[in-house]
């Protein structure tokens, strides 16, 4: 059976098929190229977006986070008198020891001063001699005056006797003053207490050689009035205007960890110590119960009074490097602007700023590494929201 032969495909159809296939191939290539270009553009856009750092910002807090300041202080007796001897000699006896409560005028010791006793005896003898001479001169003058009328005595002699009597009376007055001086000095052989208080020190004993005056050696006794105490505290210069006379303070003592004591600011030295940059202030503390001891350490919490509220920022916002202490802020164009700041107080998680910031600044809470002035950033979260409290790790992660 004869085979059937297909008719040959015309050259025109083959050409048309080739053109169609070429067009399809070109379209596929163009579509692939455009898809890759679109993908590349999107990748570039995504990469550029990723290159812009995202930051969280917040304005500074204008509130008094901690309106007090804690400073170390020292307790001192309201009145304190070191007792020195006014006469030289040997201590004869003493009647009170450390810790004894004494009253004003109480005799607490007696000095044996034989040299002074002899001087007083000599002065009294000299006074008696001068008084006798004055009486004799006065009697002689009176006798001479009776003879004036009979011309047995001249006026010149009367004048001489009158002058001699005046000299004798002056010598008597001088001797009397010397005796009174030595008697007053002898009264200091008894050591008395100047005011009610407590004997806080005794540095002498029976038979000890006593030198007059307080130029050398320790005091014999120290008397302190501890019913009231003075608390001395050194306040940094920038806080002095915020602490007013009459302000209240809270005192805590290491020996009474669960108690507080109220004190009042009484005085300020009104001067700055150049070596420490502080001003010494004095507080009054009632101690009628006698629980607190002079010379002790105290922690003083002072209340600050300010006309304006200070600005506070999180500790993590600080950047310290070769340019100093700065804070990164974000402007209206979302670009970084560094501002140099000064710190008033480090409150731990919060920093009180003394200068360099405004209340409407947008602070970068945790600036990323490598951020520079003028960098474009993306603000995430509420730009006007208050910053969350920094963690302990954020506090220590200060960018350098």
Protein backbone atom coordinates (compact mmCIF):
# COMPACT_ATOMS: atom_id res chain seq x y z
CA UNK A 1 0.00 0.00 0.00
CA UNK A 2 1.60 3.20 -1.00
CA UNK A 3 2.67 5.63 1.89
CA UNK A 4 1.14 9.04 2.14
CA UNK A 5 3.56 11.97 1.91
CA UNK A 6 2.88 15.18 3.82
CA UNK A 7 3.06 18.32 1.93
CA UNK A 8 6.24 20.28 2.66
CA UNK A 9 5.99 23.35 4.99
CA UNK A 10 6.33 26.51 3.12
CA UNK A 11 9.29 28.79 3.70
CA UNK A 12 6.94 31.62 4.49
CA UNK A 13 5.40 29.80 7.43
CA UNK A 14 8.80 28.90 8.79
CA UNK A 15 9.86 32.52 8.67
CA UNK A 16 6.70 33.65 10.40
CA UNK A 17 7.20 31.05 13.13
CA UNK A 18 10.78 32.22 13.63
CA UNK A 19 9.71 35.84 13.93
CA UNK A 20 7.08 34.98 16.50
CA UNK A 21 9.55 32.93 18.50
CA UNK A 22 12.10 35.76 18.37
CA UNK A 23 9.51 38.30 19.56
CA UNK A 24 8.52 36.02 22.42
CA UNK A 25 12.13 35.54 23.37
CA UNK A 26 12.77 39.28 23.28
CA UNK A 27 9.71 39.90 25.45
CA UNK A 28 10.90 37.30 27.95
CA UNK A 29 14.34 38.86 28.10
CA UNK A 30 12.92 42.38 28.47
CA UNK A 31 10.50 41.24 31.17
CA UNK A 32 13.33 39.52 33.07
CA UNK A 33 15.58 42.53 32.81
CA UNK A 34 12.85 44.89 34.04
CA UNK A 35 12.00 42.52 36.88
CA UNK A 36 15.66 42.45 37.96
CA UNK A 37 15.86 46.24 37.70
CA UNK A 38 12.73 46.62 39.83
CA UNK A 39 14.10 44.15 42.33
CA UNK A 40 17.42 45.96 42.43
CA UNK A 41 15.70 49.33 42.93
CA UNK A 42 13.62 47.93 45.76
CA UNK A 43 16.72 46.35 47.29
CA UNK A 44 18.59 49.64 47.03
CA UNK A 45 15.67 51.51 48.57
CA UNK A 46 15.46 48.95 51.39
CA UNK A 47 19.23 49.15 51.93
CA UNK A 48 19.14 52.95 52.00
CA UNK A 49 16.29 52.84 54.48
CA UNK A 50 18.20 50.39 56.64
CA UNK A 51 21.24 52.70 56.57
CA UNK A 52 19.21 55.45 58.30
CA UNK A 53 19.34 54.69 62.06
CA UNK A 54 16.11 54.57 64.00
CA UNK A 55 16.13 56.43 67.30
CA UNK A 56 13.69 56.94 70.15
CA UNK A 57 13.38 60.54 71.31
CA UNK A 58 11.73 62.32 74.22
CA UNK A 59 11.73 65.86 75.63
CA UNK A 60 13.56 66.63 78.89
CA UNK A 61 11.44 66.26 82.02
CA UNK A 62 10.85 69.61 83.71
CA UNK A 63 10.08 68.32 87.17
CA UNK A 64 11.79 67.98 90.51
CA UNK A 65 12.61 64.28 90.59
CA UNK A 66 14.51 64.64 93.85
CA UNK A 67 14.04 67.99 95.64
CA UNK A 68 16.57 67.08 98.33
CA UNK A 69 20.32 66.64 98.57
CA UNK A 70 22.17 64.22 100.87
CA UNK A 71 25.44 65.42 102.38
CA UNK A 72 27.71 64.21 105.19
CA UNK A 73 27.71 66.30 108.36
CA UNK A 74 29.41 66.46 111.74
CA UNK A 75 27.76 66.97 115.13
CA UNK A 76 29.21 69.44 117.61
CA UNK A 77 28.06 70.57 121.05
CA UNK A 78 26.10 73.81 121.00
CA UNK A 79 28.42 75.16 123.74
CA UNK A 80 31.85 73.68 124.35
CA UNK A 81 34.40 75.05 126.84
CA UNK A 82 37.93 73.67 127.26
CA UNK A 83 38.89 74.38 130.89
CA UNK A 84 42.47 75.64 131.43
CA UNK A 85 44.06 76.81 134.68
CA UNK A 86 44.58 80.48 135.44
CA UNK A 87 47.20 79.74 138.11
CA UNK A 88 50.27 77.53 138.13
CA UNK A 89 50.73 74.79 140.72
CA UNK A 90 49.83 71.16 141.35
CA UNK A 91 46.41 69.56 141.09
CA UNK A 92 45.22 68.98 144.64
CA UNK A 93 42.05 67.02 143.82
CA UNK A 94 39.28 66.60 141.25
CA UNK A 95 35.69 65.52 141.81
CA UNK A 96 34.16 64.71 138.40
CA UNK A 97 35.15 62.38 135.61
CA UNK A 98 34.18 61.92 131.95
CA UNK A 99 30.45 61.62 131.38
CA UNK A 100 29.50 63.36 134.62
CA UNK A 101 26.73 65.94 134.43
CA UNK A 102 27.68 69.22 136.09
CA UNK A 103 25.99 72.49 136.99
CA UNK A 104 27.14 76.06 136.43
CA UNK A 105 29.42 77.21 139.26
CA UNK A 106 30.15 73.69 140.52
CA UNK A 107 33.73 73.16 141.77
CA UNK A 108 35.23 70.23 139.91
CA UNK A 109 38.93 70.51 140.87
CA UNK A 110 41.32 72.43 143.12
CA UNK A 111 44.91 73.55 142.51
CA UNK A 112 47.58 73.88 145.17
CA UNK A 113 49.63 77.02 144.42
CA UNK A 114 52.15 77.77 147.22
CA UNK A 115 53.94 80.42 145.16
CA UNK A 116 50.72 82.36 144.73
CA UNK A 117 49.91 82.01 148.43
CA UNK A 118 53.28 83.52 149.35
CA UNK A 119 52.81 86.36 146.88
CA UNK A 120 49.45 87.13 148.46
CA UNK A 121 50.96 87.14 151.97
CA UNK A 122 53.74 89.49 150.82
CA UNK A 123 51.24 91.81 149.14
CA UNK A 124 49.12 91.99 152.27
CA UNK A 125 52.21 92.77 154.39
CA UNK A 126 53.27 95.49 151.94
CA UNK A 127 49.77 96.95 152.10
CA UNK A 128 49.85 97.00 155.90
CA UNK A 129 53.20 98.84 155.82
CA UNK A 130 51.89 101.37 153.30
CA UNK A 131 48.76 101.96 155.37
CA UNK A 132 50.88 102.57 158.49
CA UNK A 133 53.07 105.06 156.61
CA UNK A 134 49.98 106.85 155.34
CA UNK A 135 48.50 107.11 158.85
CA UNK A 136 51.78 108.51 160.22
CA UNK A 137 51.99 111.06 157.41
CA UNK A 138 48.43 112.15 158.04
CA UNK A 139 49.02 112.54 161.80
CA UNK A 140 52.18 114.57 161.20
CA UNK A 141 50.36 116.86 158.80
CA UNK A 142 47.57 117.47 161.28
CA UNK A 143 50.09 118.39 164.02
CA UNK A 144 51.91 120.80 161.70
CA UNK A 145 48.65 122.50 160.84
CA UNK A 146 48.02 123.33 164.51
CA UNK A 147 51.34 125.18 164.68
CA UNK A 148 50.73 127.35 161.66
CA UNK A 149 48.98 130.06 163.68
CA UNK A 150 51.95 130.41 166.05
CA UNK A 151 54.37 130.68 163.09
CA UNK A 152 56.38 127.66 164.24
CA UNK A 153 55.70 125.91 160.88
CA UNK A 154 56.09 127.48 157.46
CA UNK A 155 53.60 127.13 154.63
CA UNK A 156 56.28 125.34 152.62
CA UNK A 157 56.48 122.55 155.18
CA UNK A 158 52.70 122.20 155.22
CA UNK A 159 52.72 121.79 151.42
CA UNK A 160 55.48 119.20 151.61
CA UNK A 161 53.59 117.20 154.26
CA UNK A 162 50.40 117.37 152.20
CA UNK A 163 52.21 116.04 149.10
CA UNK A 164 53.81 113.28 151.16
CA UNK A 165 50.39 112.22 152.47
CA UNK A 166 49.05 112.10 148.91
CA UNK A 167 51.95 109.87 147.85
CA UNK A 168 51.37 107.57 150.81
CA UNK A 169 47.65 107.25 150.00
CA UNK A 170 48.48 106.47 146.37
CA UNK A 171 50.85 103.74 147.54
CA UNK A 172 48.07 102.35 149.75
CA UNK A 173 45.67 102.27 146.77
CA UNK A 174 48.29 100.52 144.65
CA UNK A 175 48.96 97.96 147.37
CA UNK A 176 45.23 97.38 147.85
CA UNK A 177 44.78 96.78 144.11
CA UNK A 178 47.69 94.33 144.11
CA UNK A 179 46.18 92.41 147.02
CA UNK A 180 42.77 92.28 145.31
CA UNK A 181 44.41 91.06 142.10
CA UNK A 182 46.20 88.24 143.88
CA UNK A 183 43.06 87.36 145.84
CA UNK A 184 41.11 87.14 142.60
CA UNK A 185 43.87 85.00 141.12
CA UNK A 186 43.81 82.78 144.20
CA UNK A 187 40.11 82.26 143.61
CA UNK A 188 41.03 80.46 140.38
CA UNK A 189 42.66 77.73 142.40
CA UNK A 190 39.16 76.27 142.42
CA UNK A 191 38.11 75.13 138.95
CA UNK A 192 34.41 75.82 138.38
CA UNK A 193 31.97 74.96 135.60
CA UNK A 194 30.87 77.85 133.32
CA UNK A 195 27.49 76.34 132.34
CA UNK A 196 25.33 73.25 132.80
CA UNK A 197 26.61 70.37 130.72
CA UNK A 198 28.57 67.15 130.57
CA UNK A 199 32.27 66.52 131.16
CA UNK A 200 33.32 65.18 127.77
CA UNK A 201 37.06 65.04 128.53
CA UNK A 202 39.41 64.95 131.53
CA UNK A 203 43.15 65.14 130.91
CA UNK A 204 44.68 65.66 134.35
CA UNK A 205 45.13 63.87 137.65
CA UNK A 206 46.11 64.48 141.27
CA UNK A 207 49.69 65.77 141.58
CA UNK A 208 49.94 66.86 137.94
CA UNK A 209 51.93 70.02 137.28
CA UNK A 210 49.57 72.74 136.13
CA UNK A 211 50.75 75.61 133.95
CA UNK A 212 48.71 78.78 133.83
CA UNK A 213 47.02 79.66 130.54
CA UNK A 214 46.05 77.58 127.54
CA UNK A 215 49.04 78.18 125.32
CA UNK A 216 50.58 74.75 125.76
CA UNK A 217 49.21 71.34 126.58
CA UNK A 218 45.68 69.97 126.55
CA UNK A 219 42.79 71.34 128.55
CA UNK A 220 42.25 69.98 132.05
CA UNK A 221 38.56 69.37 131.37
CA UNK A 222 36.17 69.89 128.46
CA UNK A 223 32.59 70.84 129.35
CA UNK A 224 29.94 70.50 126.64
CA UNK A 225 26.29 71.47 126.58
CA UNK A 226 24.71 68.64 124.56
CA UNK A 227 21.04 69.48 125.13
CA UNK A 228 21.33 71.14 121.71
CA UNK A 229 23.77 70.28 118.97
CA UNK A 230 25.20 72.11 116.01
CA UNK A 231 25.37 70.17 112.74
CA UNK A 232 28.01 71.40 110.30
CA UNK A 233 27.70 70.47 106.63
CA UNK A 234 29.65 71.60 103.54
CA UNK A 235 27.26 72.44 100.70
CA UNK A 236 28.51 72.53 97.07
CA UNK A 237 28.52 76.06 95.69
CA UNK A 238 25.83 75.52 93.03
CA UNK A 239 23.30 74.33 95.66
CA UNK A 240 23.84 77.12 98.19
CA UNK A 241 21.15 79.46 96.69
CA UNK A 242 18.60 76.62 96.96
CA UNK A 243 19.10 76.17 100.72
CA UNK A 244 17.46 78.96 102.70
CA UNK A 245 17.97 79.94 106.33
CA UNK A 246 15.21 78.28 108.33
CA UNK A 247 14.89 75.35 105.93
CA UNK A 248 14.13 71.95 107.41
CA UNK A 249 16.56 69.05 107.26
CA UNK A 250 16.37 65.37 108.17
CA UNK A 251 19.28 63.82 110.07
CA UNK A 252 20.06 60.12 110.13
CA UNK A 253 22.71 58.52 112.30
CA UNK A 254 24.53 55.21 111.80
CA UNK A 255 23.84 54.20 115.41
CA UNK A 256 20.07 54.71 114.89
CA UNK A 257 19.44 53.25 111.41
CA UNK A 258 15.65 53.22 111.75
CA UNK A 259 15.22 56.73 113.16
CA UNK A 260 15.36 60.26 111.84
CA UNK A 261 15.95 63.57 113.63
CA UNK A 262 14.68 67.00 112.59
CA UNK A 263 17.08 69.93 112.26
CA UNK A 264 16.85 73.53 111.08
CA UNK A 265 19.32 75.54 109.00
CA UNK A 266 20.56 78.34 111.29
CA UNK A 267 23.49 80.03 109.57
CA UNK A 268 25.72 80.05 106.52
CA UNK A 269 29.36 81.09 106.34
CA UNK A 270 28.50 83.21 103.27
CA UNK A 271 31.86 82.24 101.78
CA UNK A 272 33.19 79.50 99.51
CA UNK A 273 36.16 77.42 100.60
CA UNK A 274 38.60 77.64 97.69
CA UNK A 275 40.04 74.19 98.40
CA UNK A 276 36.72 72.33 98.29
CA UNK A 277 34.33 74.67 96.47
CA UNK A 278 31.78 74.38 99.28
CA UNK A 279 30.05 76.67 101.74
CA UNK A 280 29.83 75.67 105.40
CA UNK A 281 26.34 75.74 106.88
CA UNK A 282 25.21 75.30 110.47
CA UNK A 283 22.06 73.48 111.55
CA UNK A 284 20.49 73.31 115.02
CA UNK A 285 19.41 69.93 116.37
CA UNK A 286 17.48 69.32 119.59
CA UNK A 287 19.13 66.70 121.81
CA UNK A 288 17.28 67.15 125.09
CA UNK A 289 17.17 63.38 125.50
CA UNK A 290 20.97 63.20 125.26
CA UNK A 291 20.89 60.33 122.75
CA UNK A 292 23.23 61.93 120.22
CA UNK A 293 26.91 62.53 120.86
CA UNK A 294 28.99 65.54 119.76
CA UNK A 295 31.69 64.72 117.25
CA UNK A 296 29.56 62.03 115.59
CA UNK A 297 28.98 61.54 111.87
CA UNK A 298 25.54 62.32 110.45
CA UNK A 299 23.84 62.09 107.07
CA UNK A 300 22.04 65.35 106.34
CA UNK A 301 19.14 65.49 103.87
CA UNK A 302 18.50 69.12 102.94
CA UNK A 303 15.41 70.37 101.14
CA UNK A 304 16.12 72.41 97.99
CA UNK A 305 13.96 75.43 97.19
CA UNK A 306 14.08 76.54 93.55
CA UNK A 307 12.36 79.24 91.55
CA UNK A 308 12.27 77.09 88.38
CA UNK A 309 12.05 73.36 87.86
CA UNK A 310 15.28 71.75 86.61
CA UNK A 311 15.47 69.65 83.42
CA UNK A 312 16.14 65.92 83.73
CA UNK A 313 17.17 63.41 81.07
CA UNK A 314 17.86 59.66 81.17
CA UNK A 315 21.44 58.73 82.03
CA UNK A 316 21.64 56.70 78.79
CA UNK A 317 21.30 59.91 76.72
CA UNK A 318 24.71 61.24 77.76
CA UNK A 319 27.64 60.95 75.35
CA UNK A 320 31.15 61.59 76.63
CA UNK A 321 34.09 61.64 74.23
CA UNK A 322 36.86 63.91 73.04
CA UNK A 323 34.33 66.68 72.42
CA UNK A 324 33.23 66.69 76.03
CA UNK A 325 29.88 65.86 77.58
CA UNK A 326 27.11 66.13 75.00
CA UNK A 327 23.53 65.11 74.27
CA UNK A 328 22.18 64.15 70.83
CA UNK A 329 18.99 65.97 69.85
CA UNK A 330 16.81 65.62 66.72
CA UNK A 331 15.73 68.74 64.85
CA UNK A 332 12.54 69.38 62.90
CA UNK A 333 14.22 67.96 59.75
CA UNK A 334 14.99 64.69 61.59
CA UNK A 335 18.70 65.41 61.58
CA UNK A 336 21.00 64.99 64.56
CA UNK A 337 22.26 68.06 66.42
CA UNK A 338 24.70 67.61 69.32
CA UNK A 339 24.46 69.98 72.29
CA UNK A 340 27.09 70.43 74.98
CA UNK A 341 25.59 70.18 78.48
CA UNK A 342 26.69 70.56 82.08
CA UNK A 343 25.43 68.31 84.85
CA UNK A 344 23.94 69.70 88.04
CA UNK A 345 23.41 66.36 89.80
CA UNK A 346 23.72 62.68 88.98
CA UNK A 347 20.57 61.07 90.40
CA UNK A 348 21.37 57.57 89.15
CA UNK A 349 18.93 56.74 86.37
CA UNK A 350 18.17 60.41 85.83
CA UNK A 351 20.59 63.30 85.25
CA UNK A 352 19.75 66.85 86.31
CA UNK A 353 21.00 69.27 83.67
CA UNK A 354 22.37 72.64 84.69
CA UNK A 355 22.68 74.16 81.20
CA UNK A 356 22.73 73.32 77.49
CA UNK A 357 19.17 72.10 76.85
CA UNK A 358 15.74 73.60 76.29
CA UNK A 359 12.44 72.15 77.43
CA UNK A 360 11.28 71.62 73.80
CA UNK A 361 14.39 69.73 72.63
CA UNK A 362 13.92 66.16 71.37
CA UNK A 363 16.53 64.07 73.18
CA UNK A 364 17.82 60.81 71.72
CA UNK A 365 17.29 58.43 74.63
CA UNK A 366 19.92 55.87 73.60
CA UNK A 367 22.12 57.25 70.77
CA UNK A 368 23.61 54.48 68.54
CA UNK A 369 27.35 54.09 68.03
CA UNK A 370 28.89 56.21 65.29
CA UNK A 371 26.14 58.80 65.17
CA UNK A 372 27.42 62.19 64.05
CA UNK A 373 26.24 65.77 63.73
CA UNK A 374 23.90 66.20 60.75
CA UNK A 375 23.09 62.49 60.33
CA UNK A 376 19.60 61.69 59.08
CA UNK A 377 17.65 59.54 61.53
CA UNK A 378 14.24 57.94 61.69
CA UNK A 379 12.22 58.76 64.77
CA UNK A 380 10.31 55.78 66.10
CA UNK A 381 7.62 55.87 68.75
CA UNK A 382 6.07 59.04 70.12
CA UNK A 383 8.48 61.89 69.62
CA UNK A 384 6.87 63.83 72.43
CA UNK A 385 6.46 60.96 74.85
CA UNK A 386 8.28 61.00 78.11
CA UNK A 387 11.29 58.72 78.28
CA UNK A 388 10.99 55.40 80.01
CA UNK A 389 13.21 54.92 83.05
CA UNK A 390 16.64 53.72 82.06
CA UNK A 391 17.73 50.33 83.30
CA UNK A 392 20.84 49.84 85.37
CA UNK A 393 22.69 48.52 82.34
CA UNK A 394 21.60 51.47 80.23
CA UNK A 395 22.90 53.82 82.91
CA UNK A 396 26.37 52.34 82.67
CA UNK A 397 26.28 52.07 78.86
CA UNK A 398 27.30 55.70 78.38
CA UNK A 399 28.51 56.12 74.84
CA UNK A 400 32.16 57.00 74.48
